[in-house]
């Protein structure tokens, strides 16, 4: 009976999260070249459209990401200060994003 209750509680929590809309804004800044300011402006426009946005900036093995509205500007400004940006590692990036969502529902630490 304990296992059934535990399973149902996990199922309900995942169902609640899955019904909440979350935008994932993935940025590969290594390909931006001269369009960096245009890209940051468009990202701010998308972020300001609503709540619950995950901003993920790929930078090889050192990506940055945030969901905090107060940190969006700082994270985007890191792009300008960052200098040379590494090309993305798509598999690692996907794993990081999945890990973030699993952490949000409490299935991993």
C-alpha atoms as a PDB file:
ATOM      1  CA  UNK A   1       0.000   0.000   0.000  1.00  0.00           C
ATOM      2  CA  UNK A   2       2.896   2.375   0.753  1.00  0.00           C
ATOM      3  CA  UNK A   3       4.234   1.870  -2.760  1.00  0.00           C
ATOM      4  CA  UNK A   4       0.860   2.630  -4.337  1.00  0.00           C
ATOM      5  CA  UNK A   5       0.528   5.860  -2.342  1.00  0.00           C
ATOM      6  CA  UNK A   6       4.111   6.844  -3.185  1.00  0.00           C
ATOM      7  CA  UNK A   7       3.586   6.125  -6.867  1.00  0.00           C
ATOM      8  CA  UNK A   8       0.340   8.105  -6.931  1.00  0.00           C
ATOM      9  CA  UNK A   9       1.951  11.115  -5.230  1.00  0.00           C
ATOM     10  CA  UNK A  10       4.765  11.147  -7.816  1.00  0.00           C
ATOM     11  CA  UNK A  11       2.245  10.793 -10.617  1.00  0.00           C
ATOM     12  CA  UNK A  12       0.128  13.692  -9.301  1.00  0.00           C
ATOM     13  CA  UNK A  13       3.160  15.991  -8.852  1.00  0.00           C
ATOM     14  CA  UNK A  14       4.395  15.236 -12.383  1.00  0.00           C
ATOM     15  CA  UNK A  15       0.923  15.834 -13.761  1.00  0.00           C
ATOM     16  CA  UNK A  16       0.739  19.236 -12.069  1.00  0.00           C
ATOM     17  CA  UNK A  17       4.123  20.247 -13.461  1.00  0.00           C
ATOM     18  CA  UNK A  18       3.314  19.002 -16.937  1.00  0.00           C
ATOM     19  CA  UNK A  19       0.259  21.253 -17.044  1.00  0.00           C
ATOM     20  CA  UNK A  20       2.330  24.349 -16.338  1.00  0.00           C
ATOM     21  CA  UNK A  21       3.637  26.051 -19.470  1.00  0.00           C
ATOM     22  CA  UNK A  22       7.378  26.685 -19.467  1.00  0.00           C
ATOM     23  CA  UNK A  23       9.205  28.334 -22.354  1.00  0.00           C
ATOM     24  CA  UNK A  24      12.724  27.117 -23.051  1.00  0.00           C
ATOM     25  CA  UNK A  25      14.825  29.765 -24.766  1.00  0.00           C
ATOM     26  CA  UNK A  26      17.960  28.031 -26.083  1.00  0.00           C
ATOM     27  CA  UNK A  27      20.738  30.291 -27.339  1.00  0.00           C
ATOM     28  CA  UNK A  28      23.795  29.173 -29.295  1.00  0.00           C
ATOM     29  CA  UNK A  29      25.813  32.367 -29.160  1.00  0.00           C
ATOM     30  CA  UNK A  30      28.866  30.842 -30.850  1.00  0.00           C
ATOM     31  CA  UNK A  31      27.132  31.317 -34.210  1.00  0.00           C
ATOM     32  CA  UNK A  32      25.977  34.885 -33.546  1.00  0.00           C
ATOM     33  CA  UNK A  33      29.072  36.719 -34.869  1.00  0.00           C
ATOM     34  CA  UNK A  34      27.884  40.296 -35.537  1.00  0.00           C
ATOM     35  CA  UNK A  35      24.258  39.689 -34.552  1.00  0.00           C
ATOM     36  CA  UNK A  36      24.823  39.376 -30.791  1.00  0.00           C
ATOM     37  CA  UNK A  37      22.949  42.559 -29.821  1.00  0.00           C
ATOM     38  CA  UNK A  38      20.066  41.668 -32.132  1.00  0.00           C
ATOM     39  CA  UNK A  39      19.894  38.202 -30.563  1.00  0.00           C
ATOM     40  CA  UNK A  40      19.902  39.620 -27.005  1.00  0.00           C
ATOM     41  CA  UNK A  41      17.160  42.083 -27.946  1.00  0.00           C
ATOM     42  CA  UNK A  42      14.996  39.287 -29.378  1.00  0.00           C
ATOM     43  CA  UNK A  43      15.627  37.134 -26.275  1.00  0.00           C
ATOM     44  CA  UNK A  44      14.488  39.991 -23.995  1.00  0.00           C
ATOM     45  CA  UNK A  45      11.377  40.396 -26.131  1.00  0.00           C
ATOM     46  CA  UNK A  46      10.505  36.700 -25.743  1.00  0.00           C
ATOM     47  CA  UNK A  47      11.239  36.746 -22.006  1.00  0.00           C
ATOM     48  CA  UNK A  48       8.999  39.780 -21.480  1.00  0.00           C
ATOM     49  CA  UNK A  49       6.056  38.050 -23.201  1.00  0.00           C
ATOM     50  CA  UNK A  50       5.251  36.036 -20.103  1.00  0.00           C
ATOM     51  CA  UNK A  51       6.299  34.058 -17.086  1.00  0.00           C
ATOM     52  CA  UNK A  52       7.997  30.698 -16.635  1.00  0.00           C
ATOM     53  CA  UNK A  53      10.916  30.965 -19.026  1.00  0.00           C
ATOM     54  CA  UNK A  54      14.092  28.906 -18.862  1.00  0.00           C
ATOM     55  CA  UNK A  55      16.917  30.849 -20.510  1.00  0.00           C
ATOM     56  CA  UNK A  56      19.684  28.426 -21.546  1.00  0.00           C
ATOM     57  CA  UNK A  57      22.869  29.786 -23.120  1.00  0.00           C
ATOM     58  CA  UNK A  58      25.016  27.055 -24.600  1.00  0.00           C
ATOM     59  CA  UNK A  59      28.764  27.528 -24.284  1.00  0.00           C
ATOM     60  CA  UNK A  60      30.436  24.170 -24.787  1.00  0.00           C
ATOM     61  CA  UNK A  61      30.975  22.525 -21.410  1.00  0.00           C
ATOM     62  CA  UNK A  62      30.119  25.672 -19.408  1.00  0.00           C
ATOM     63  CA  UNK A  63      26.518  26.640 -20.184  1.00  0.00           C
ATOM     64  CA  UNK A  64      24.578  29.181 -18.146  1.00  0.00           C
ATOM     65  CA  UNK A  65      20.907  29.039 -17.430  1.00  0.00           C
ATOM     66  CA  UNK A  66      18.352  30.722 -15.228  1.00  0.00           C
ATOM     67  CA  UNK A  67      14.625  30.944 -14.647  1.00  0.00           C
ATOM     68  CA  UNK A  68      14.799  34.011 -12.446  1.00  0.00           C
ATOM     69  CA  UNK A  69      13.364  37.187 -13.974  1.00  0.00           C
ATOM     70  CA  UNK A  70      15.865  39.254 -11.982  1.00  0.00           C
ATOM     71  CA  UNK A  71      18.817  37.289 -13.444  1.00  0.00           C
ATOM     72  CA  UNK A  72      17.845  37.369 -17.134  1.00  0.00           C
ATOM     73  CA  UNK A  73      19.576  40.676 -17.920  1.00  0.00           C
ATOM     74  CA  UNK A  74      22.766  39.649 -16.123  1.00  0.00           C
ATOM     75  CA  UNK A  75      22.860  36.283 -17.857  1.00  0.00           C
ATOM     76  CA  UNK A  76      22.317  37.884 -21.269  1.00  0.00           C
ATOM     77  CA  UNK A  77      24.994  40.506 -20.534  1.00  0.00           C
ATOM     78  CA  UNK A  78      27.443  37.664 -19.820  1.00  0.00           C
ATOM     79  CA  UNK A  79      27.242  36.969 -23.553  1.00  0.00           C
ATOM     80  CA  UNK A  80      28.696  40.380 -24.334  1.00  0.00           C
ATOM     81  CA  UNK A  81      31.482  40.102 -21.765  1.00  0.00           C
ATOM     82  CA  UNK A  82      32.191  36.440 -22.493  1.00  0.00           C
ATOM     83  CA  UNK A  83      34.452  36.947 -25.479  1.00  0.00           C
ATOM     84  CA  UNK A  84      35.080  33.683 -27.318  1.00  0.00           C
ATOM     85  CA  UNK A  85      32.156  31.302 -27.047  1.00  0.00           C
ATOM     86  CA  UNK A  86      32.497  27.579 -27.569  1.00  0.00           C
ATOM     87  CA  UNK A  87      30.203  25.705 -29.946  1.00  0.00           C
ATOM     88  CA  UNK A  88      27.391  23.845 -28.220  1.00  0.00           C
ATOM     89  CA  UNK A  89      27.482  20.264 -27.138  1.00  0.00           C
ATOM     90  CA  UNK A  90      23.887  19.430 -28.009  1.00  0.00           C
ATOM     91  CA  UNK A  91      23.775  16.104 -26.180  1.00  0.00           C
ATOM     92  CA  UNK A  92      25.163  17.664 -22.992  1.00  0.00           C
ATOM     93  CA  UNK A  93      22.785  20.610 -23.336  1.00  0.00           C
ATOM     94  CA  UNK A  94      19.735  18.355 -23.706  1.00  0.00           C
ATOM     95  CA  UNK A  95      20.874  16.321 -20.691  1.00  0.00           C
ATOM     96  CA  UNK A  96      21.310  19.526 -18.634  1.00  0.00           C
ATOM     97  CA  UNK A  97      17.811  20.730 -19.535  1.00  0.00           C
ATOM     98  CA  UNK A  98      16.281  17.343 -18.716  1.00  0.00           C
ATOM     99  CA  UNK A  99      18.200  17.287 -15.414  1.00  0.00           C
ATOM    100  CA  UNK A 100      16.839  20.757 -14.599  1.00  0.00           C
ATOM    101  CA  UNK A 101      13.232  19.620 -15.119  1.00  0.00           C
ATOM    102  CA  UNK A 102      13.773  16.393 -13.156  1.00  0.00           C
ATOM    103  CA  UNK A 103      15.183  18.478 -10.308  1.00  0.00           C
ATOM    104  CA  UNK A 104      12.101  20.733 -10.437  1.00  0.00           C
ATOM    105  CA  UNK A 105       9.780  17.752  -9.840  1.00  0.00           C
ATOM    106  CA  UNK A 106      12.057  16.341  -7.156  1.00  0.00           C
ATOM    107  CA  UNK A 107      13.158  13.194  -8.979  1.00  0.00           C
ATOM    108  CA  UNK A 108      16.881  13.987  -8.743  1.00  0.00           C
ATOM    109  CA  UNK A 109      19.264  16.066  -6.644  1.00  0.00           C
END
